[in-house]
Amino acid sequence: MITEDQLEQLAIQWFQDTGWNYVHGAVIAPEGVAAEREDFRAVAEPSPRPSPNRRGRKMERLVEEVKR
């Protein structure tokens, strides 16, 4: 049996392996050291960070298309 934490760690590793950057939620939370929004009512949008591989760049383009 797999625990919720094990599943989360596998998912995080998969995203990192496919070019996404991982930052713990507490870091980017409104009171975090690298807050990406002023409060929890605001929607946090993806940051324009460069992706290290082609798949990550493709996902960034898809996110931009959806936002339009």
N, C-alpha and C. Protein backbone atom coordinates (compact mmCIF):
# COMPACT_ATOMS: atom_id res chain seq x y z
N MET A 1 0.85 -1.18 0.00
CA MET A 1 0.00 0.00 0.00
C MET A 1 0.89 1.24 0.00
N ILE A 2 0.47 2.25 -0.71
CA ILE A 2 1.22 3.50 -0.79
C ILE A 2 0.50 4.57 0.03
N THR A 3 1.26 5.35 0.74
CA THR A 3 0.66 6.41 1.55
C THR A 3 0.48 7.67 0.71
N GLU A 4 -0.30 8.60 1.24
CA GLU A 4 -0.50 9.88 0.55
C GLU A 4 0.82 10.62 0.39
N ASP A 5 1.66 10.60 1.42
CA ASP A 5 2.96 11.27 1.35
C ASP A 5 3.85 10.64 0.28
N GLN A 6 3.86 9.32 0.21
CA GLN A 6 4.68 8.64 -0.81
C GLN A 6 4.20 9.02 -2.22
N LEU A 7 2.90 9.06 -2.41
CA LEU A 7 2.34 9.44 -3.70
C LEU A 7 2.72 10.88 -4.04
N GLU A 8 2.62 11.77 -3.06
CA GLU A 8 2.98 13.17 -3.28
C GLU A 8 4.45 13.30 -3.66
N GLN A 9 5.32 12.58 -2.97
CA GLN A 9 6.75 12.64 -3.27
C GLN A 9 7.05 12.09 -4.67
N LEU A 10 6.36 11.03 -5.06
CA LEU A 10 6.52 10.48 -6.42
C LEU A 10 6.07 11.50 -7.47
N ALA A 11 4.94 12.16 -7.21
CA ALA A 11 4.43 13.16 -8.15
C ALA A 11 5.39 14.34 -8.26
N ILE A 12 5.90 14.80 -7.13
CA ILE A 12 6.86 15.91 -7.15
C ILE A 12 8.10 15.51 -7.94
N GLN A 13 8.60 14.31 -7.72
CA GLN A 13 9.78 13.84 -8.44
C GLN A 13 9.51 13.75 -9.94
N TRP A 14 8.31 13.28 -10.32
CA TRP A 14 7.95 13.19 -11.73
C TRP A 14 7.94 14.58 -12.37
N PHE A 15 7.34 15.54 -11.69
CA PHE A 15 7.31 16.89 -12.24
C PHE A 15 8.72 17.45 -12.37
N GLN A 16 9.57 17.23 -11.38
CA GLN A 16 10.95 17.70 -11.47
C GLN A 16 11.68 17.01 -12.62
N ASP A 17 11.45 15.73 -12.79
CA ASP A 17 12.09 14.99 -13.89
C ASP A 17 11.65 15.48 -15.26
N THR A 18 10.46 16.07 -15.33
CA THR A 18 9.95 16.57 -16.61
C THR A 18 10.17 18.07 -16.79
N GLY A 19 11.00 18.65 -15.92
CA GLY A 19 11.40 20.03 -16.13
C GLY A 19 10.77 21.09 -15.26
N TRP A 20 9.88 20.71 -14.36
CA TRP A 20 9.24 21.70 -13.50
C TRP A 20 10.08 21.94 -12.26
N ASN A 21 10.02 23.16 -11.76
CA ASN A 21 10.70 23.51 -10.52
C ASN A 21 9.74 23.25 -9.37
N TYR A 22 10.28 22.77 -8.25
CA TYR A 22 9.46 22.52 -7.07
C TYR A 22 9.82 23.51 -5.98
N VAL A 23 8.81 24.14 -5.43
CA VAL A 23 8.97 25.03 -4.29
C VAL A 23 7.88 24.67 -3.29
N HIS A 24 8.25 24.45 -2.05
CA HIS A 24 7.26 24.08 -1.03
C HIS A 24 6.23 25.20 -0.90
N GLY A 25 4.99 24.84 -0.71
CA GLY A 25 3.90 25.81 -0.62
C GLY A 25 4.09 26.89 0.42
N ALA A 26 4.72 26.54 1.55
CA ALA A 26 4.94 27.52 2.61
C ALA A 26 5.87 28.64 2.16
N VAL A 27 6.74 28.35 1.21
CA VAL A 27 7.69 29.36 0.71
C VAL A 27 6.97 30.42 -0.12
N ILE A 28 5.98 30.00 -0.92
CA ILE A 28 5.30 30.94 -1.81
C ILE A 28 3.95 31.41 -1.26
N ALA A 29 3.58 30.94 -0.07
CA ALA A 29 2.34 31.39 0.58
C ALA A 29 2.44 32.88 0.89
N PRO A 30 1.31 33.55 1.10
CA PRO A 30 1.33 34.99 1.36
C PRO A 30 2.32 35.42 2.44
N GLU A 31 2.51 34.64 3.47
CA GLU A 31 3.45 35.01 4.53
C GLU A 31 4.82 34.39 4.33
N GLY A 32 5.04 33.70 3.19
CA GLY A 32 6.31 33.03 2.93
C GLY A 32 7.42 33.98 2.51
N VAL A 33 8.63 33.46 2.48
CA VAL A 33 9.79 34.29 2.13
C VAL A 33 9.82 34.68 0.66
N ALA A 34 9.10 33.95 -0.18
CA ALA A 34 9.02 34.28 -1.61
C ALA A 34 7.55 34.31 -2.03
N ALA A 35 6.74 35.05 -1.28
CA ALA A 35 5.29 35.10 -1.51
C ALA A 35 4.98 35.46 -2.96
N GLU A 36 4.04 34.73 -3.55
CA GLU A 36 3.63 35.00 -4.93
C GLU A 36 2.24 35.60 -5.01
N ARG A 37 1.64 35.88 -3.86
CA ARG A 37 0.35 36.55 -3.81
C ARG A 37 0.19 37.20 -2.44
N GLU A 38 -0.70 38.18 -2.37
CA GLU A 38 -0.86 38.94 -1.14
C GLU A 38 -1.69 38.22 -0.09
N ASP A 39 -2.68 37.42 -0.51
CA ASP A 39 -3.48 36.65 0.43
C ASP A 39 -4.00 35.40 -0.27
N PHE A 40 -4.61 34.49 0.49
CA PHE A 40 -5.05 33.22 -0.07
C PHE A 40 -6.25 33.34 -1.00
N ARG A 41 -6.92 34.49 -1.01
CA ARG A 41 -8.04 34.67 -1.92
C ARG A 41 -7.59 34.89 -3.35
N ALA A 42 -6.37 35.34 -3.54
CA ALA A 42 -5.83 35.58 -4.88
C ALA A 42 -5.36 34.26 -5.49
N VAL A 43 -5.55 34.13 -6.79
CA VAL A 43 -5.09 32.94 -7.50
C VAL A 43 -3.61 33.13 -7.82
N ALA A 44 -2.81 32.15 -7.47
CA ALA A 44 -1.38 32.22 -7.78
C ALA A 44 -1.17 31.71 -9.20
N GLU A 45 -0.60 32.55 -10.04
CA GLU A 45 -0.32 32.16 -11.42
C GLU A 45 1.11 31.63 -11.52
N PRO A 46 1.37 30.77 -12.50
CA PRO A 46 2.73 30.25 -12.66
C PRO A 46 3.73 31.39 -12.88
N SER A 47 4.87 31.28 -12.26
CA SER A 47 5.92 32.27 -12.44
C SER A 47 6.63 32.03 -13.76
N PRO A 48 7.09 33.08 -14.39
CA PRO A 48 7.80 32.92 -15.67
C PRO A 48 9.24 32.47 -15.45
N ARG A 49 9.41 31.26 -14.95
CA ARG A 49 10.75 30.70 -14.73
C ARG A 49 11.14 29.85 -15.92
N PRO A 50 12.36 29.93 -16.37
CA PRO A 50 12.77 29.10 -17.51
C PRO A 50 12.76 27.63 -17.14
N SER A 51 12.31 26.81 -18.06
CA SER A 51 12.30 25.36 -17.84
C SER A 51 13.54 24.74 -18.46
N PRO A 52 14.11 23.76 -17.80
CA PRO A 52 15.35 23.18 -18.30
C PRO A 52 15.19 22.24 -19.48
N ASN A 53 13.96 21.91 -19.86
CA ASN A 53 13.83 21.02 -21.01
C ASN A 53 12.64 21.39 -21.88
N ARG A 54 12.56 20.74 -23.00
CA ARG A 54 11.55 21.04 -24.01
C ARG A 54 10.13 20.81 -23.50
N ARG A 55 9.90 19.74 -22.76
CA ARG A 55 8.55 19.44 -22.28
C ARG A 55 8.06 20.54 -21.34
N GLY A 56 8.93 21.03 -20.48
CA GLY A 56 8.55 22.11 -19.58
C GLY A 56 8.19 23.37 -20.34
N ARG A 57 8.96 23.68 -21.39
CA ARG A 57 8.65 24.87 -22.21
C ARG A 57 7.33 24.70 -22.93
N LYS A 58 7.05 23.49 -23.40
CA LYS A 58 5.78 23.23 -24.07
C LYS A 58 4.62 23.44 -23.09
N MET A 59 4.76 22.96 -21.87
CA MET A 59 3.71 23.15 -20.87
C MET A 59 3.52 24.63 -20.57
N GLU A 60 4.61 25.39 -20.50
CA GLU A 60 4.49 26.83 -20.26
C GLU A 60 3.73 27.50 -21.39
N ARG A 61 3.98 27.10 -22.64
CA ARG A 61 3.25 27.67 -23.77
C ARG A 61 1.76 27.33 -23.67
N LEU A 62 1.46 26.09 -23.29
CA LEU A 62 0.05 25.69 -23.15
C LEU A 62 -0.64 26.49 -22.06
N VAL A 63 0.03 26.73 -20.96
CA VAL A 63 -0.55 27.55 -19.88
C VAL A 63 -0.83 28.95 -20.40
N GLU A 64 0.11 29.52 -21.14
CA GLU A 64 -0.10 30.86 -21.69
C GLU A 64 -1.28 30.89 -22.64
N GLU A 65 -1.44 29.85 -23.48
CA GLU A 65 -2.58 29.80 -24.40
C GLU A 65 -3.89 29.74 -23.64
N VAL A 66 -3.95 28.96 -22.59
CA VAL A 66 -5.16 28.82 -21.81
C VAL A 66 -5.53 30.13 -21.13
N LYS A 67 -4.52 30.88 -20.70
CA LYS A 67 -4.77 32.16 -20.02
C LYS A 67 -5.33 33.21 -20.97
N ARG A 68 -5.14 33.06 -22.27
CA ARG A 68 -5.63 34.07 -23.23
C ARG A 68 -7.09 33.99 -23.46
